[in-house]
C-alpha atoms as a PDB file:
ATOM      1  CA  MET A   1       5.905 -32.243  10.946  1.00  0.00           C
ATOM      2  CA  THR A   2       6.843 -29.765   8.419  1.00  0.00           C
ATOM      3  CA  ARG A   3       6.635 -29.598   4.870  1.00  0.00           C
ATOM      4  CA  LEU A   4       9.531 -27.524   3.436  1.00  0.00           C
ATOM      5  CA  ALA A   5       7.728 -27.442  -0.077  1.00  0.00           C
ATOM      6  CA  ALA A   6       4.761 -25.559   0.841  1.00  0.00           C
ATOM      7  CA  ARG A   7       6.887 -23.092   2.987  1.00  0.00           C
ATOM      8  CA  ALA A   8       8.883 -22.743   0.430  1.00  0.00           C
ATOM      9  CA  LEU A   9       5.857 -21.754  -2.135  1.00  0.00           C
ATOM     10  CA  ASN A  10       4.407 -19.696  -0.004  1.00  0.00           C
ATOM     11  CA  LYS A  11       7.329 -17.428   0.556  1.00  0.00           C
ATOM     12  CA  PRO A  12       7.517 -14.287  -1.213  1.00  0.00           C
ATOM     13  CA  LEU A  13       9.972 -13.356  -3.627  1.00  0.00           C
ATOM     14  CA  LEU A  14      12.732 -10.869  -2.203  1.00  0.00           C
ATOM     15  CA  ILE A  15      16.038  -9.829  -4.355  1.00  0.00           C
ATOM     16  CA  VAL A  16      18.231  -8.590  -1.446  1.00  0.00           C
ATOM     17  CA  GLY A  17      15.569  -8.535   1.022  1.00  0.00           C
ATOM     18  CA  ILE A  18      13.091  -6.488  -1.157  1.00  0.00           C
ATOM     19  CA  ASP A  19      10.183  -7.476  -3.195  1.00  0.00           C
ATOM     20  CA  ARG A  20      10.896  -7.529  -6.535  1.00  0.00           C
ATOM     21  CA  LYS A  21       7.738  -4.955  -7.920  1.00  0.00           C
ATOM     22  CA  LEU A  22       9.300  -2.410  -5.568  1.00  0.00           C
ATOM     23  CA  ALA A  23      12.640  -3.511  -6.442  1.00  0.00           C
ATOM     24  CA  GLY A  24      11.606  -2.887 -10.122  1.00  0.00           C
ATOM     25  CA  LEU A  25      10.216  -0.187  -9.417  1.00  0.00           C
ATOM     26  CA  ALA A  26      13.147   1.363  -7.435  1.00  0.00           C
ATOM     27  CA  PHE A  27      15.371   0.354 -10.294  1.00  0.00           C
ATOM     28  CA  ILE A  28      13.518   2.048 -13.009  1.00  0.00           C
ATOM     29  CA  LEU A  29      12.614   5.371 -11.173  1.00  0.00           C
ATOM     30  CA  SER A  30      16.369   5.700 -10.582  1.00  0.00           C
ATOM     31  CA  VAL A  31      17.178   5.041 -14.277  1.00  0.00           C
ATOM     32  CA  ILE A  32      14.649   7.842 -15.279  1.00  0.00           C
ATOM     33  CA  VAL A  33      15.991  10.166 -12.960  1.00  0.00           C
ATOM     34  CA  GLY A  34      19.433   9.570 -13.934  1.00  0.00           C
ATOM     35  CA  ALA A  35      19.033  10.140 -17.304  1.00  0.00           C
ATOM     36  CA  ASN A  36      17.190  13.386 -16.869  1.00  0.00           C
ATOM     37  CA  GLY A  37      18.702  14.860 -14.201  1.00  0.00           C
ATOM     38  CA  SER A  38      21.918  14.275 -12.112  1.00  0.00           C
ATOM     39  CA  ARG A  39      23.433  10.551 -11.841  1.00  0.00           C
ATOM     40  CA  ILE A  40      24.369  10.853  -8.455  1.00  0.00           C
ATOM     41  CA  VAL A  41      20.608  11.648  -7.600  1.00  0.00           C
ATOM     42  CA  GLY A  42      19.629   8.669  -9.004  1.00  0.00           C
ATOM     43  CA  ILE A  43      21.649   6.311  -7.024  1.00  0.00           C
ATOM     44  CA  VAL A  44      20.832   8.249  -3.823  1.00  0.00           C
ATOM     45  CA  LEU A  45      16.879   7.540  -4.464  1.00  0.00           C
ATOM     46  CA  PHE A  46      18.073   3.648  -5.321  1.00  0.00           C
ATOM     47  CA  LEU A  47      19.305   3.329  -2.273  1.00  0.00           C
ATOM     48  CA  ALA A  48      16.868   5.389  -0.123  1.00  0.00           C
ATOM     49  CA  LEU A  49      14.337   3.191  -1.654  1.00  0.00           C
ATOM     50  CA  CYS A  50      15.579   0.203  -1.389  1.00  0.00           C
ATOM     51  CA  ALA A  51      16.760   0.711   2.343  1.00  0.00           C
ATOM     52  CA  VAL A  52      12.792   1.569   2.830  1.00  0.00           C
ATOM     53  CA  GLY A  53      11.949  -1.258   1.135  1.00  0.00           C
ATOM     54  CA  ARG A  54      14.422  -3.485   3.389  1.00  0.00           C
ATOM     55  CA  ARG A  55      13.028  -1.875   6.719  1.00  0.00           C
ATOM     56  CA  LEU A  56       9.486  -2.658   5.603  1.00  0.00           C
ATOM     57  CA  SER A  57      10.277  -6.119   4.365  1.00  0.00           C
ATOM     58  CA  ARG A  58      11.986  -7.081   7.885  1.00  0.00           C
ATOM     59  CA  LYS A  59       9.105  -6.455   9.743  1.00  0.00           C
ATOM     60  CA  ASP A  60       6.771  -8.238   7.564  1.00  0.00           C
ATOM     61  CA  PRO A  61       7.978  -9.716   4.162  1.00  0.00           C
ATOM     62  CA  ASP A  62       4.403  -9.372   2.757  1.00  0.00           C
ATOM     63  CA  ILE A  63       3.849  -5.682   3.332  1.00  0.00           C
ATOM     64  CA  PHE A  64       3.722  -4.835  -0.301  1.00  0.00           C
ATOM     65  CA  LEU A  65       1.564  -7.456  -1.121  1.00  0.00           C
ATOM     66  CA  VAL A  66      -1.243  -5.982   1.537  1.00  0.00           C
ATOM     67  CA  PHE A  67      -0.194  -2.579   0.388  1.00  0.00           C
ATOM     68  CA  ASN A  68      -1.344  -3.677  -3.026  1.00  0.00           C
ATOM     69  CA  LEU A  69      -4.449  -5.477  -1.958  1.00  0.00           C
ATOM     70  CA  LEU A  70      -5.471  -2.473  -0.124  1.00  0.00           C
ATOM     71  CA  ARG A  71      -4.966   0.181  -2.901  1.00  0.00           C
ATOM     72  CA  LYS A  72      -7.079  -2.171  -5.041  1.00  0.00           C
ATOM     73  CA  GLN A  73      -9.918  -2.307  -2.666  1.00  0.00           C
ATOM     74  CA  LYS A  74     -13.119  -0.503  -2.867  1.00  0.00           C
ATOM     75  CA  ALA A  75     -14.156   1.984  -0.383  1.00  0.00           C
ATOM     76  CA  LEU A  76     -16.885   0.199   1.518  1.00  0.00           C
ATOM     77  CA  TYR A  77     -18.400   3.613   2.534  1.00  0.00           C
ATOM     78  CA  ASP A  78     -18.624   6.262   0.035  1.00  0.00           C
ATOM     79  CA  PRO A  79     -21.101   9.135   1.416  1.00  0.00           C
ATOM     80  CA  MET A  80     -21.619  10.753  -2.458  1.00  0.00           C
ATOM     81  CA  LYS A  81     -23.362   7.514  -3.592  1.00  0.00           C
ATOM     82  CA  ARG A  82     -26.047   7.960  -0.857  1.00  0.00           C
ATOM     83  CA  GLU A  83     -29.339  10.075  -1.670  1.00  0.00           C
ATOM     84  CA  TRP A  84     -29.811  13.481  -0.181  1.00  0.00           C
ATOM     85  CA  PHE A  85     -32.034  13.108   2.502  1.00  0.00           C
ATOM     86  CA  ARG A  86     -34.885  16.158   4.189  1.00  0.00           C
ATOM     87  CA  LEU A  87     -34.678  16.301   7.835  1.00  0.00           C
ATOM     88  CA  SER A  88     -38.579  17.562   9.122  1.00  0.00           C
ATOM     89  CA  ILE A  89     -39.002  18.718  12.664  1.00  0.00           C
ATOM     90  CA  GLU A  90     -42.060  18.286  13.999  1.00  0.00           C
ATOM     91  CA  GLN A  91     -43.190  20.017  17.429  1.00  0.00           C
ATOM     92  CA  ARG A  92     -45.495  17.876  19.360  1.00  0.00           C
ATOM     93  CA  THR A  93     -48.047  19.146  21.333  1.00  0.00           C
ATOM     94  CA  SER A  94     -47.512  18.936  25.630  1.00  0.00           C
ATOM     95  CA  LYS A  95     -50.170  16.795  27.170  1.00  0.00           C
ATOM     96  CA  ALA A  96     -51.060  16.971  30.310  1.00  0.00           C
ATOM     97  CA  TRP A  97     -51.422  14.147  32.649  1.00  0.00           C
END
């Protein structure tokens, strides 16, 4: 038995096949580039970001959520947080058996 309400609640929010956060980011970036430079470059940037977003969203609709969670996650291993250690080499005396 499938429950359509649960499926609809877990479905990612997409705008024209793109994650809504990426669509907003693409629009804002294209407006900034279009206002400061050429409007054609802004339109091309918007279309390129939309094409990349649609292609990534087609493979996995939650890919941008995963990228955002990975960005927020701290590194598990940071070698600069470790203390320095000293390496001492001791020479063994050979024993005759």
